[in-house]
C-alpha atoms as a PDB file:
ATOM      1  CA  MET A   1      53.746  52.803  24.962  1.00  0.00           C
ATOM      2  CA  GLY A   2      55.781  55.008  27.019  1.00  0.00           C
ATOM      3  CA  ARG A   3      58.699  52.630  26.237  1.00  0.00           C
ATOM      4  CA  TYR A   4      57.880  52.758  22.684  1.00  0.00           C
ATOM      5  CA  VAL A   5      58.083  56.461  22.366  1.00  0.00           C
ATOM      6  CA  ALA A   6      61.056  56.894  24.304  1.00  0.00           C
ATOM      7  CA  ARG A   7      62.575  54.472  21.959  1.00  0.00           C
ATOM      8  CA  ARG A   8      61.337  56.356  18.914  1.00  0.00           C
ATOM      9  CA  LEU A   9      62.676  59.693  20.398  1.00  0.00           C
ATOM     10  CA  LEU A  10      66.104  57.974  20.676  1.00  0.00           C
ATOM     11  CA  GLN A  11      65.956  56.929  17.274  1.00  0.00           C
ATOM     12  CA  GLY A  12      64.858  60.258  15.942  1.00  0.00           C
ATOM     13  CA  LEU A  13      67.815  61.964  18.057  1.00  0.00           C
ATOM     14  CA  LEU A  14      69.922  59.432  16.195  1.00  0.00           C
ATOM     15  CA  THR A  15      68.624  60.370  12.929  1.00  0.00           C
ATOM     16  CA  LEU A  16      69.137  63.981  13.585  1.00  0.00           C
ATOM     17  CA  PHE A  17      72.743  63.585  14.851  1.00  0.00           C
ATOM     18  CA  LEU A  18      73.487  61.732  11.488  1.00  0.00           C
ATOM     19  CA  VAL A  19      71.935  64.197   9.275  1.00  0.00           C
ATOM     20  CA  MET A  20      73.740  67.344  10.901  1.00  0.00           C
ATOM     21  CA  VAL A  21      77.164  64.736  10.369  1.00  0.00           C
ATOM     22  CA  LEU A  22      76.314  64.426   6.946  1.00  0.00           C
ATOM     23  CA  LEU A  23      75.338  68.187   6.518  1.00  0.00           C
ATOM     24  CA  HIS A  24      78.481  69.332   8.146  1.00  0.00           C
ATOM     25  CA  LEU A  25      80.651  66.927   6.026  1.00  0.00           C
ATOM     26  CA  LEU A  26      78.805  68.356   2.688  1.00  0.00           C
ATOM     27  CA  THR A  27      79.077  72.016   3.538  1.00  0.00           C
ATOM     28  CA  THR A  28      82.943  71.603   4.847  1.00  0.00           C
ATOM     29  CA  ALA A  29      83.487  69.615   1.419  1.00  0.00           C
ATOM     30  CA  ALA A  30      81.916  72.497  -0.358  1.00  0.00           C
ATOM     31  CA  ILE A  31      84.056  75.113   1.631  1.00  0.00           C
ATOM     32  CA  GLN A  32      87.339  73.335   1.145  1.00  0.00           C
ATOM     33  CA  LEU A  33      86.897  73.102  -2.587  1.00  0.00           C
ATOM     34  CA  ASN A  34      84.913  76.368  -3.520  1.00  0.00           C
ATOM     35  CA  GLY A  35      86.968  78.779  -1.214  1.00  0.00           C
ATOM     36  CA  ASN A  36      85.814  80.821   1.750  1.00  0.00           C
ATOM     37  CA  PRO A  37      82.151  82.204   1.773  1.00  0.00           C
ATOM     38  CA  ALA A  38      82.923  84.570   4.193  1.00  0.00           C
ATOM     39  CA  LEU A  39      84.079  86.477   0.736  1.00  0.00           C
ATOM     40  CA  ALA A  40      80.439  86.995  -0.055  1.00  0.00           C
ATOM     41  CA  PHE A  41      80.373  89.390   2.839  1.00  0.00           C
ATOM     42  CA  PHE A  42      82.675  92.026   0.953  1.00  0.00           C
ATOM     43  CA  GLY A  43      80.685  92.035  -2.331  1.00  0.00           C
ATOM     44  CA  ASP A  44      82.897  93.250  -5.185  1.00  0.00           C
ATOM     45  CA  ARG A  45      85.608  94.610  -2.508  1.00  0.00           C
ATOM     46  CA  VAL A  46      88.895  92.629  -2.235  1.00  0.00           C
ATOM     47  CA  PRO A  47      89.379  92.294   1.712  1.00  0.00           C
ATOM     48  CA  THR A  48      92.843  92.262   3.505  1.00  0.00           C
ATOM     49  CA  ALA A  49      93.528  89.063   5.077  1.00  0.00           C
ATOM     50  CA  ALA A  50      92.920  90.448   8.681  1.00  0.00           C
ATOM     51  CA  GLN A  51      89.299  91.591   7.183  1.00  0.00           C
ATOM     52  CA  LEU A  52      88.704  88.076   5.945  1.00  0.00           C
ATOM     53  CA  GLN A  53      89.772  86.257   8.922  1.00  0.00           C
ATOM     54  CA  ALA A  54      87.841  88.552  11.213  1.00  0.00           C
ATOM     55  CA  VAL A  55      84.788  88.170   9.068  1.00  0.00           C
ATOM     56  CA  SER A  56      85.454  84.061   8.878  1.00  0.00           C
ATOM     57  CA  GLU A  57      85.791  84.058  12.729  1.00  0.00           C
ATOM     58  CA  ARG A  58      82.631  86.194  13.162  1.00  0.00           C
ATOM     59  CA  TYR A  59      80.643  83.395  11.147  1.00  0.00           C
ATOM     60  CA  GLY A  60      82.236  80.344  12.355  1.00  0.00           C
ATOM     61  CA  LEU A  61      84.753  79.853   9.387  1.00  0.00           C
ATOM     62  CA  GLY A  62      88.074  80.882  10.835  1.00  0.00           C
ATOM     63  CA  ASP A  63      89.032  77.186  11.778  1.00  0.00           C
ATOM     64  CA  ALA A  64      92.222  76.269   9.368  1.00  0.00           C
ATOM     65  CA  CYS A  65      90.735  72.927   8.842  1.00  0.00           C
ATOM     66  CA  TYR A  66      88.667  74.506   6.170  1.00  0.00           C
ATOM     67  CA  ASN A  67      91.725  75.150   4.172  1.00  0.00           C
ATOM     68  CA  GLN A  68      92.751  71.666   4.308  1.00  0.00           C
ATOM     69  CA  LEU A  69      90.884  69.459   1.931  1.00  0.00           C
ATOM     70  CA  GLY A  70      89.645  66.273   3.382  1.00  0.00           C
ATOM     71  CA  ASN A  71      89.776  67.505   7.066  1.00  0.00           C
ATOM     72  CA  PRO A  72      86.500  66.642   8.722  1.00  0.00           C
ATOM     73  CA  CYS A  73      86.409  69.417  10.895  1.00  0.00           C
ATOM     74  CA  VAL A  74      85.600  67.861  14.136  1.00  0.00           C
ATOM     75  CA  GLY A  75      86.389  70.996  16.419  1.00  0.00           C
ATOM     76  CA  PRO A  76      83.786  73.363  14.130  1.00  0.00           C
ATOM     77  CA  PHE A  77      81.177  70.627  14.377  1.00  0.00           C
ATOM     78  CA  LEU A  78      81.328  70.125  17.872  1.00  0.00           C
ATOM     79  CA  ASP A  79      80.829  74.222  18.377  1.00  0.00           C
ATOM     80  CA  ARG A  80      77.966  74.078  16.396  1.00  0.00           C
ATOM     81  CA  LEU A  81      76.471  71.273  18.356  1.00  0.00           C
ATOM     82  CA  ALA A  82      77.098  73.209  21.607  1.00  0.00           C
ATOM     83  CA  ALA A  83      75.598  76.181  20.472  1.00  0.00           C
ATOM     84  CA  TYR A  84      72.578  74.588  18.645  1.00  0.00           C
ATOM     85  CA  ALA A  85      72.163  73.135  22.517  1.00  0.00           C
ATOM     86  CA  THR A  86      71.852  76.593  23.894  1.00  0.00           C
ATOM     87  CA  GLY A  87      69.197  77.897  20.786  1.00  0.00           C
ATOM     88  CA  ASP A  88      72.052  79.657  19.241  1.00  0.00           C
ATOM     89  CA  PHE A  89      71.747  79.073  15.349  1.00  0.00           C
ATOM     90  CA  GLY A  90      74.128  81.693  14.733  1.00  0.00           C
ATOM     91  CA  THR A  91      73.831  84.791  11.806  1.00  0.00           C
ATOM     92  CA  ASP A  92      73.578  85.097   8.244  1.00  0.00           C
ATOM     93  CA  LEU A  93      76.019  87.264   6.287  1.00  0.00           C
ATOM     94  CA  ARG A  94      74.026  90.111   6.884  1.00  0.00           C
ATOM     95  CA  GLY A  95      74.281  89.692  10.766  1.00  0.00           C
ATOM     96  CA  ARG A  96      70.514  88.608  11.289  1.00  0.00           C
ATOM     97  CA  GLU A  97      69.799  85.902  13.516  1.00  0.00           C
ATOM     98  CA  VAL A  98      68.961  82.604  11.823  1.00  0.00           C
ATOM     99  CA  THR A  99      65.847  82.441  14.654  1.00  0.00           C
ATOM    100  CA  GLU A 100      64.561  85.865  13.849  1.00  0.00           C
ATOM    101  CA  ILE A 101      64.595  84.819  10.271  1.00  0.00           C
ATOM    102  CA  VAL A 102      62.878  81.793  10.793  1.00  0.00           C
ATOM    103  CA  ALA A 103      60.413  83.351  13.071  1.00  0.00           C
ATOM    104  CA  VAL A 104      59.599  85.638   9.877  1.00  0.00           C
ATOM    105  CA  ALA A 105      59.694  82.742   7.317  1.00  0.00           C
ATOM    106  CA  ALA A 106      57.957  79.939   9.026  1.00  0.00           C
ATOM    107  CA  PRO A 107      54.439  81.422   9.091  1.00  0.00           C
ATOM    108  CA  ASN A 108      54.449  81.990   5.177  1.00  0.00           C
ATOM    109  CA  THR A 109      55.718  78.368   4.924  1.00  0.00           C
ATOM    110  CA  LEU A 110      53.267  76.909   7.474  1.00  0.00           C
ATOM    111  CA  ARG A 111      50.329  78.896   5.142  1.00  0.00           C
ATOM    112  CA  LEU A 112      51.968  77.073   2.032  1.00  0.00           C
ATOM    113  CA  PHE A 113      51.612  74.049   3.733  1.00  0.00           C
ATOM    114  CA  ALA A 114      48.126  74.414   4.931  1.00  0.00           C
ATOM    115  CA  VAL A 115      47.006  74.787   1.246  1.00  0.00           C
ATOM    116  CA  VAL A 116      49.052  71.904  -0.070  1.00  0.00           C
ATOM    117  CA  GLY A 117      47.566  69.589   2.694  1.00  0.00           C
ATOM    118  CA  LEU A 118      44.121  70.509   2.349  1.00  0.00           C
ATOM    119  CA  THR A 119      44.451  70.273  -1.330  1.00  0.00           C
ATOM    120  CA  TRP A 120      46.289  66.974  -1.196  1.00  0.00           C
ATOM    121  CA  LEU A 121      44.022  65.419   1.544  1.00  0.00           C
ATOM    122  CA  VAL A 122      40.522  66.319  -0.175  1.00  0.00           C
ATOM    123  CA  VAL A 123      41.645  65.901  -3.849  1.00  0.00           C
ATOM    124  CA  GLY A 124      43.740  62.282  -3.031  1.00  0.00           C
ATOM    125  CA  MET A 125      40.681  61.071  -0.506  1.00  0.00           C
ATOM    126  CA  THR A 126      37.731  62.098  -2.565  1.00  0.00           C
ATOM    127  CA  LEU A 127      39.072  60.863  -5.991  1.00  0.00           C
ATOM    128  CA  GLY A 128      40.686  57.737  -4.714  1.00  0.00           C
ATOM    129  CA  SER A 129      37.500  56.891  -2.868  1.00  0.00           C
ATOM    130  CA  LEU A 130      35.553  57.328  -6.159  1.00  0.00           C
ATOM    131  CA  ALA A 131      37.813  55.410  -8.145  1.00  0.00           C
ATOM    132  CA  ALA A 132      37.815  52.568  -5.643  1.00  0.00           C
ATOM    133  CA  ARG A 133      33.956  52.911  -5.501  1.00  0.00           C
ATOM    134  CA  TYR A 134      33.613  52.703  -9.288  1.00  0.00           C
ATOM    135  CA  ARG A 135      36.430  50.166 -10.131  1.00  0.00           C
ATOM    136  CA  GLY A 136      36.655  49.308 -13.743  1.00  0.00           C
ATOM    137  CA  ARG A 137      34.369  51.844 -14.985  1.00  0.00           C
ATOM    138  CA  ALA A 138      35.191  55.023 -16.754  1.00  0.00           C
ATOM    139  CA  ALA A 139      35.720  57.147 -13.750  1.00  0.00           C
ATOM    140  CA  ASP A 140      38.070  54.886 -12.392  1.00  0.00           C
ATOM    141  CA  HIS A 141      39.974  54.561 -15.753  1.00  0.00           C
ATOM    142  CA  GLY A 142      39.843  58.528 -15.853  1.00  0.00           C
ATOM    143  CA  ILE A 143      40.944  59.321 -12.371  1.00  0.00           C
ATOM    144  CA  ARG A 144      43.762  56.569 -12.730  1.00  0.00           C
ATOM    145  CA  ALA A 145      45.109  58.196 -15.906  1.00  0.00           C
ATOM    146  CA  GLY A 146      44.975  61.828 -14.739  1.00  0.00           C
ATOM    147  CA  SER A 147      47.059  60.861 -11.501  1.00  0.00           C
ATOM    148  CA  ILE A 148      49.778  59.349 -14.021  1.00  0.00           C
ATOM    149  CA  LEU A 149      49.430  62.076 -16.124  1.00  0.00           C
ATOM    150  CA  VAL A 150      49.998  64.677 -13.130  1.00  0.00           C
ATOM    151  CA  ASP A 151      52.712  62.482 -11.523  1.00  0.00           C
ATOM    152  CA  ALA A 152      54.841  62.344 -14.720  1.00  0.00           C
ATOM    153  CA  PHE A 153      54.754  66.180 -14.988  1.00  0.00           C
ATOM    154  CA  PRO A 154      57.505  67.875 -12.962  1.00  0.00           C
ATOM    155  CA  VAL A 155      56.318  70.138 -10.470  1.00  0.00           C
ATOM    156  CA  PHE A 156      59.139  72.895 -11.346  1.00  0.00           C
ATOM    157  CA  VAL A 157      57.880  72.517 -14.982  1.00  0.00           C
ATOM    158  CA  MET A 158      54.223  73.094 -13.967  1.00  0.00           C
ATOM    159  CA  LEU A 159      55.321  76.259 -11.704  1.00  0.00           C
ATOM    160  CA  LEU A 160      57.552  77.771 -14.354  1.00  0.00           C
ATOM    161  CA  VAL A 161      54.471  77.317 -17.121  1.00  0.00           C
ATOM    162  CA  TYR A 162      52.110  78.778 -14.475  1.00  0.00           C
ATOM    163  CA  LYS A 163      54.384  81.628 -13.634  1.00  0.00           C
ATOM    164  CA  PHE A 164      55.346  82.938 -17.227  1.00  0.00           C
ATOM    165  CA  VAL A 165      52.610  81.648 -19.290  1.00  0.00           C
ATOM    166  CA  VAL A 166      49.573  81.482 -17.128  1.00  0.00           C
ATOM    167  CA  THR A 167      49.807  84.363 -14.716  1.00  0.00           C
ATOM    168  CA  VAL A 168      51.154  87.284 -17.124  1.00  0.00           C
ATOM    169  CA  PRO A 169      47.549  87.422 -19.140  1.00  0.00           C
ATOM    170  CA  MET A 170      45.489  86.397 -16.313  1.00  0.00           C
ATOM    171  CA  SER A 171      47.075  88.766 -13.895  1.00  0.00           C
ATOM    172  CA  THR A 172      46.747  91.615 -16.451  1.00  0.00           C
ATOM    173  CA  TRP A 173      42.975  90.626 -17.190  1.00  0.00           C
ATOM    174  CA  ALA A 174      42.205  90.726 -13.420  1.00  0.00           C
ATOM    175  CA  ARG A 175      43.670  93.967 -12.601  1.00  0.00           C
ATOM    176  CA  ASP A 176      42.102  95.707 -15.821  1.00  0.00           C
ATOM    177  CA  THR A 177      38.877  94.349 -15.008  1.00  0.00           C
ATOM    178  CA  PHE A 178      38.558  94.032 -11.243  1.00  0.00           C
ATOM    179  CA  GLY A 179      41.230  96.324 -10.049  1.00  0.00           C
ATOM    180  CA  ALA A 180      44.959  95.805  -8.839  1.00  0.00           C
ATOM    181  CA  GLU A 181      43.974  95.036  -5.101  1.00  0.00           C
ATOM    182  CA  SER A 182      41.010  92.709  -6.061  1.00  0.00           C
ATOM    183  CA  LEU A 183      41.008  88.917  -5.079  1.00  0.00           C
ATOM    184  CA  PRO A 184      41.357  87.817  -8.782  1.00  0.00           C
ATOM    185  CA  ALA A 185      44.078  89.910  -9.565  1.00  0.00           C
ATOM    186  CA  LEU A 186      46.190  88.806  -6.179  1.00  0.00           C
ATOM    187  CA  LEU A 187      45.311  85.140  -6.972  1.00  0.00           C
ATOM    188  CA  PHE A 188      47.122  85.309 -10.344  1.00  0.00           C
ATOM    189  CA  ARG A 189      49.735  87.602  -8.966  1.00  0.00           C
ATOM    190  CA  PRO A 190      53.077  85.963 -10.452  1.00  0.00           C
ATOM    191  CA  SER A 191      54.665  86.622  -7.080  1.00  0.00           C
ATOM    192  CA  PHE A 192      54.358  86.557  -3.454  1.00  0.00           C
ATOM    193  CA  SER A 193      52.957  89.661  -1.683  1.00  0.00           C
ATOM    194  CA  PRO A 194      53.775  90.057   2.107  1.00  0.00           C
ATOM    195  CA  ASP A 195      50.554  92.352   2.517  1.00  0.00           C
ATOM    196  CA  HIS A 196      48.505  89.804   0.887  1.00  0.00           C
ATOM    197  CA  PRO A 197      50.045  86.325   2.028  1.00  0.00           C
ATOM    198  CA  TRP A 198      46.983  84.095   1.847  1.00  0.00           C
ATOM    199  CA  ALA A 199      45.679  85.304  -1.547  1.00  0.00           C
ATOM    200  CA  THR A 200      49.194  84.923  -3.362  1.00  0.00           C
ATOM    201  CA  VAL A 201      50.022  81.690  -1.762  1.00  0.00           C
ATOM    202  CA  LEU A 202      47.058  79.927  -2.717  1.00  0.00           C
ATOM    203  CA  VAL A 203      47.436  78.975  -6.498  1.00  0.00           C
ATOM    204  CA  PRO A 204      51.008  77.645  -5.848  1.00  0.00           C
ATOM    205  CA  GLY A 205      49.965  75.734  -2.834  1.00  0.00           C
ATOM    206  CA  VAL A 206      46.774  74.037  -4.903  1.00  0.00           C
ATOM    207  CA  LEU A 207      49.451  73.317  -7.805  1.00  0.00           C
ATOM    208  CA  LEU A 208      51.991  71.648  -5.456  1.00  0.00           C
ATOM    209  CA  GLY A 209      49.171  69.917  -3.585  1.00  0.00           C
ATOM    210  CA  LEU A 210      47.830  68.335  -6.979  1.00  0.00           C
ATOM    211  CA  ALA A 211      51.248  67.440  -7.601  1.00  0.00           C
ATOM    212  CA  GLY A 212      51.756  65.417  -4.474  1.00  0.00           C
ATOM    213  CA  SER A 213      48.057  64.292  -4.711  1.00  0.00           C
ATOM    214  CA  ALA A 214      48.771  62.131  -7.851  1.00  0.00           C
ATOM    215  CA  ALA A 215      50.399  59.034  -5.826  1.00  0.00           C
ATOM    216  CA  PHE A 216      48.307  59.744  -3.096  1.00  0.00           C
ATOM    217  CA  ILE A 217      44.984  58.965  -5.229  1.00  0.00           C
ATOM    218  CA  ARG A 218      46.266  55.421  -6.185  1.00  0.00           C
ATOM    219  CA  LEU A 219      47.405  54.407  -2.901  1.00  0.00           C
ATOM    220  CA  VAL A 220      43.793  55.380  -1.654  1.00  0.00           C
ATOM    221  CA  ARG A 221      42.050  53.516  -4.143  1.00  0.00           C
ATOM    222  CA  ALA A 222      44.401  50.321  -3.785  1.00  0.00           C
ATOM    223  CA  ALA A 223      43.770  50.444   0.047  1.00  0.00           C
ATOM    224  CA  GLN A 224      39.911  50.800  -0.161  1.00  0.00           C
ATOM    225  CA  LEU A 225      39.978  47.945  -2.782  1.00  0.00           C
ATOM    226  CA  GLU A 226      41.267  45.414  -0.025  1.00  0.00           C
ATOM    227  CA  ASN A 227      38.481  46.313   1.975  1.00  0.00           C
ATOM    228  CA  TYR A 228      35.524  46.484  -0.241  1.00  0.00           C
ATOM    229  CA  ASN A 229      34.748  42.605  -0.014  1.00  0.00           C
ATOM    230  CA  ALA A 230      36.520  42.090   3.199  1.00  0.00           C
ATOM    231  CA  GLU A 231      34.376  39.935   5.891  1.00  0.00           C
ATOM    232  CA  HIS A 232      33.835  42.941   8.195  1.00  0.00           C
ATOM    233  CA  VAL A 233      32.274  44.948   5.572  1.00  0.00           C
ATOM    234  CA  ARG A 234      30.132  42.108   4.648  1.00  0.00           C
ATOM    235  CA  THR A 235      29.137  41.749   8.205  1.00  0.00           C
ATOM    236  CA  ALA A 236      28.252  45.597   8.445  1.00  0.00           C
ATOM    237  CA  ARG A 237      25.918  45.407   5.031  1.00  0.00           C
ATOM    238  CA  SER A 238      24.179  41.980   6.279  1.00  0.00           C
ATOM    239  CA  LYS A 239      23.314  43.982   9.222  1.00  0.00           C
ATOM    240  CA  GLY A 240      21.456  46.620   7.150  1.00  0.00           C
ATOM    241  CA  LEU A 241      23.622  49.604   7.730  1.00  0.00           C
ATOM    242  CA  GLY A 242      23.487  52.239   4.975  1.00  0.00           C
ATOM    243  CA  GLU A 243      26.226  52.203   2.524  1.00  0.00           C
ATOM    244  CA  ARG A 244      27.383  55.589   3.462  1.00  0.00           C
ATOM    245  CA  HIS A 245      28.069  54.434   7.065  1.00  0.00           C
ATOM    246  CA  VAL A 246      29.528  51.305   5.857  1.00  0.00           C
ATOM    247  CA  THR A 247      31.920  53.290   3.261  1.00  0.00           C
ATOM    248  CA  LEU A 248      32.726  55.845   6.051  1.00  0.00           C
ATOM    249  CA  PHE A 249      33.214  53.626   9.200  1.00  0.00           C
ATOM    250  CA  HIS A 250      34.195  50.496   7.928  1.00  0.00           C
ATOM    251  CA  ILE A 251      36.229  50.991   4.625  1.00  0.00           C
ATOM    252  CA  VAL A 252      37.660  54.331   4.623  1.00  0.00           C
ATOM    253  CA  ARG A 253      38.792  54.025   8.404  1.00  0.00           C
ATOM    254  CA  ASN A 254      40.235  50.481   7.944  1.00  0.00           C
ATOM    255  CA  SER A 255      42.142  51.918   4.800  1.00  0.00           C
ATOM    256  CA  SER A 256      43.748  54.585   6.583  1.00  0.00           C
ATOM    257  CA  ILE A 257      46.699  52.681   8.002  1.00  0.00           C
ATOM    258  CA  PRO A 258      48.774  52.948   4.699  1.00  0.00           C
ATOM    259  CA  VAL A 259      47.031  56.678   4.013  1.00  0.00           C
ATOM    260  CA  VAL A 260      48.861  57.625   7.252  1.00  0.00           C
ATOM    261  CA  THR A 261      52.272  56.015   6.230  1.00  0.00           C
ATOM    262  CA  ALA A 262      51.937  58.110   3.002  1.00  0.00           C
ATOM    263  CA  ILE A 263      51.775  61.438   5.271  1.00  0.00           C
ATOM    264  CA  GLY A 264      55.426  61.053   6.178  1.00  0.00           C
ATOM    265  CA  PHE A 265      56.624  60.552   2.579  1.00  0.00           C
ATOM    266  CA  VAL A 266      54.277  62.995   1.138  1.00  0.00           C
ATOM    267  CA  PHE A 267      55.399  65.437   4.214  1.00  0.00           C
ATOM    268  CA  ALA A 268      58.969  65.103   2.972  1.00  0.00           C
ATOM    269  CA  GLU A 269      58.213  65.433  -0.693  1.00  0.00           C
ATOM    270  CA  ALA A 270      56.286  68.845   0.162  1.00  0.00           C
ATOM    271  CA  LEU A 271      59.438  70.094   1.794  1.00  0.00           C
ATOM    272  CA  ALA A 272      61.710  69.451  -1.269  1.00  0.00           C
ATOM    273  CA  GLY A 273      58.593  71.245  -3.330  1.00  0.00           C
ATOM    274  CA  ALA A 274      58.392  73.892  -0.918  1.00  0.00           C
ATOM    275  CA  VAL A 275      62.025  75.035  -1.703  1.00  0.00           C
ATOM    276  CA  VAL A 276      61.163  75.000  -5.676  1.00  0.00           C
ATOM    277  CA  THR A 277      57.878  76.752  -5.024  1.00  0.00           C
ATOM    278  CA  GLU A 278      58.960  79.502  -2.843  1.00  0.00           C
ATOM    279  CA  GLY A 279      62.068  80.164  -4.438  1.00  0.00           C
ATOM    280  CA  LEU A 280      60.281  80.291  -8.106  1.00  0.00           C
ATOM    281  CA  MET A 281      57.445  82.137  -6.809  1.00  0.00           C
ATOM    282  CA  ASN A 282      59.408  84.679  -4.269  1.00  0.00           C
ATOM    283  CA  VAL A 283      57.802  83.633  -1.159  1.00  0.00           C
ATOM    284  CA  TYR A 284      59.684  84.520   1.755  1.00  0.00           C
ATOM    285  CA  GLY A 285      59.244  81.155   3.489  1.00  0.00           C
ATOM    286  CA  MET A 286      61.726  78.470   4.843  1.00  0.00           C
ATOM    287  CA  GLY A 287      62.129  77.154   1.337  1.00  0.00           C
ATOM    288  CA  GLY A 288      62.888  80.491  -0.078  1.00  0.00           C
ATOM    289  CA  VAL A 289      65.081  81.272   2.629  1.00  0.00           C
ATOM    290  CA  LEU A 290      67.175  78.132   1.955  1.00  0.00           C
ATOM    291  CA  TRP A 291      66.857  78.738  -1.559  1.00  0.00           C
ATOM    292  CA  SER A 292      68.717  82.138  -1.215  1.00  0.00           C
ATOM    293  CA  ALA A 293      70.934  81.119   1.480  1.00  0.00           C
ATOM    294  CA  VAL A 294      72.393  78.289  -0.823  1.00  0.00           C
ATOM    295  CA  ARG A 295      72.872  80.792  -3.823  1.00  0.00           C
ATOM    296  CA  ASP A 296      74.718  83.302  -1.773  1.00  0.00           C
ATOM    297  CA  SER A 297      76.791  80.715  -0.122  1.00  0.00           C
ATOM    298  CA  ASP A 298      75.219  81.482   3.440  1.00  0.00           C
ATOM    299  CA  VAL A 299      76.534  78.470   5.464  1.00  0.00           C
ATOM    300  CA  SER A 300      75.099  79.195   8.680  1.00  0.00           C
ATOM    301  CA  VAL A 301      71.798  79.615   7.292  1.00  0.00           C
ATOM    302  CA  VAL A 302      71.789  76.458   5.179  1.00  0.00           C
ATOM    303  CA  VAL A 303      72.914  74.388   8.260  1.00  0.00           C
ATOM    304  CA  GLY A 304      70.274  75.901  10.401  1.00  0.00           C
ATOM    305  CA  ILE A 305      67.451  75.925   8.156  1.00  0.00           C
ATOM    306  CA  VAL A 306      68.062  72.311   7.215  1.00  0.00           C
ATOM    307  CA  THR A 307      68.599  71.468  10.603  1.00  0.00           C
ATOM    308  CA  LEU A 308      65.235  72.810  11.687  1.00  0.00           C
ATOM    309  CA  LEU A 309      63.348  71.128   8.778  1.00  0.00           C
ATOM    310  CA  ALA A 310      65.050  67.738   9.694  1.00  0.00           C
ATOM    311  CA  VAL A 311      63.498  68.267  13.540  1.00  0.00           C
ATOM    312  CA  VAL A 312      60.038  68.803  12.146  1.00  0.00           C
ATOM    313  CA  THR A 313      60.368  65.872   9.931  1.00  0.00           C
ATOM    314  CA  VAL A 314      61.375  63.623  12.582  1.00  0.00           C
ATOM    315  CA  VAL A 315      58.621  64.841  14.809  1.00  0.00           C
ATOM    316  CA  VAL A 316      55.921  64.202  12.105  1.00  0.00           C
ATOM    317  CA  MET A 317      57.341  60.840  11.440  1.00  0.00           C
ATOM    318  CA  ILE A 318      57.006  59.831  15.174  1.00  0.00           C
ATOM    319  CA  VAL A 319      53.439  61.331  15.200  1.00  0.00           C
ATOM    320  CA  VAL A 320      52.418  59.280  12.456  1.00  0.00           C
ATOM    321  CA  ASP A 321      53.669  56.076  14.167  1.00  0.00           C
ATOM    322  CA  LEU A 322      51.733  57.078  17.085  1.00  0.00           C
ATOM    323  CA  LEU A 323      48.580  57.559  14.817  1.00  0.00           C
ATOM    324  CA  TYR A 324      48.421  53.753  14.202  1.00  0.00           C
ATOM    325  CA  ALA A 325      46.968  52.832  17.231  1.00  0.00           C
ATOM    326  CA  ALA A 326      44.392  55.452  17.232  1.00  0.00           C
ATOM    327  CA  LEU A 327      43.242  54.371  13.674  1.00  0.00           C
ATOM    328  CA  ASP A 328      43.471  50.508  14.434  1.00  0.00           C
ATOM    329  CA  PRO A 329      42.865  49.335  17.962  1.00  0.00           C
ATOM    330  CA  ARG A 330      44.276  45.935  17.485  1.00  0.00           C
ATOM    331  CA  ILE A 331      47.878  47.624  17.007  1.00  0.00           C
ATOM    332  CA  ARG A 332      49.847  47.828  20.480  1.00  0.00           C
ATOM    333  CA  PHE A 333      53.290  49.381  21.200  1.00  0.00           C
ATOM    334  CA  ASP A 334      55.249  47.219  23.244  1.00  0.00           C
END
């Protein structure tokens, strides 16, 4: 087990290194093609060459390689790796530390992920189990058709419809009926409120969770159907065990391995969805910060946030791998 964990950690470190290399090459090419992003620091003012060089040096963009198209800028990349190793993720164009930005933004993203994960798990497991239990019946056909319909509807379109079509009349009605600070008014607020983070993130989180649960429903159904007529399930029933006990401990548990595998993929999908959701709903989270940083050409924030998100993703994937043994005692890691 220890050797397996060590091997997976080494693979994770290699993955992170490759992500950082690719990210560095992409941002370097963007700078070489589009010009120095330090110009955004001056707004509409035209800086002198000395001022631009000073700001570029401050934000790690002063190396001459950024003016040479095709140069991989190995030196700045090694400098960034050394800084990251000491916990220094740089500053944004306003001089704020990236770590401070993350400390403020991360809790909002965690709130969104908590709502997304709970919605995804409850809806996916419940509807997937019902579809498997009533295979071939109206409930099964309806659940599968609904999941396909939701899966075919892009998340950003769903959020745009919600923000500009649903929230406008609903928030007006809730404010006039219950008051501006009432729970219904906050739930249908068209943008995020830092004073009421849970209330204003609930509906967008549920929508993102529903979008992610569509494929999960079909996966749960397929995994459980494989176990309904398995030998261990027939044996459990022949011993006189109740149907609820058989379903929970012999069907659901033995169907959990492919479900756990899907957690990693859904987590990565949720990260991408969080960028869109937080950007559209003005949520000051990791995705919203990344959205703004890309728009403002803030290289330090883009690289720092994506690196941190890559670290979290790799850790989740390793934890998912280790959960296999807990779910199925037959699995052993050499």
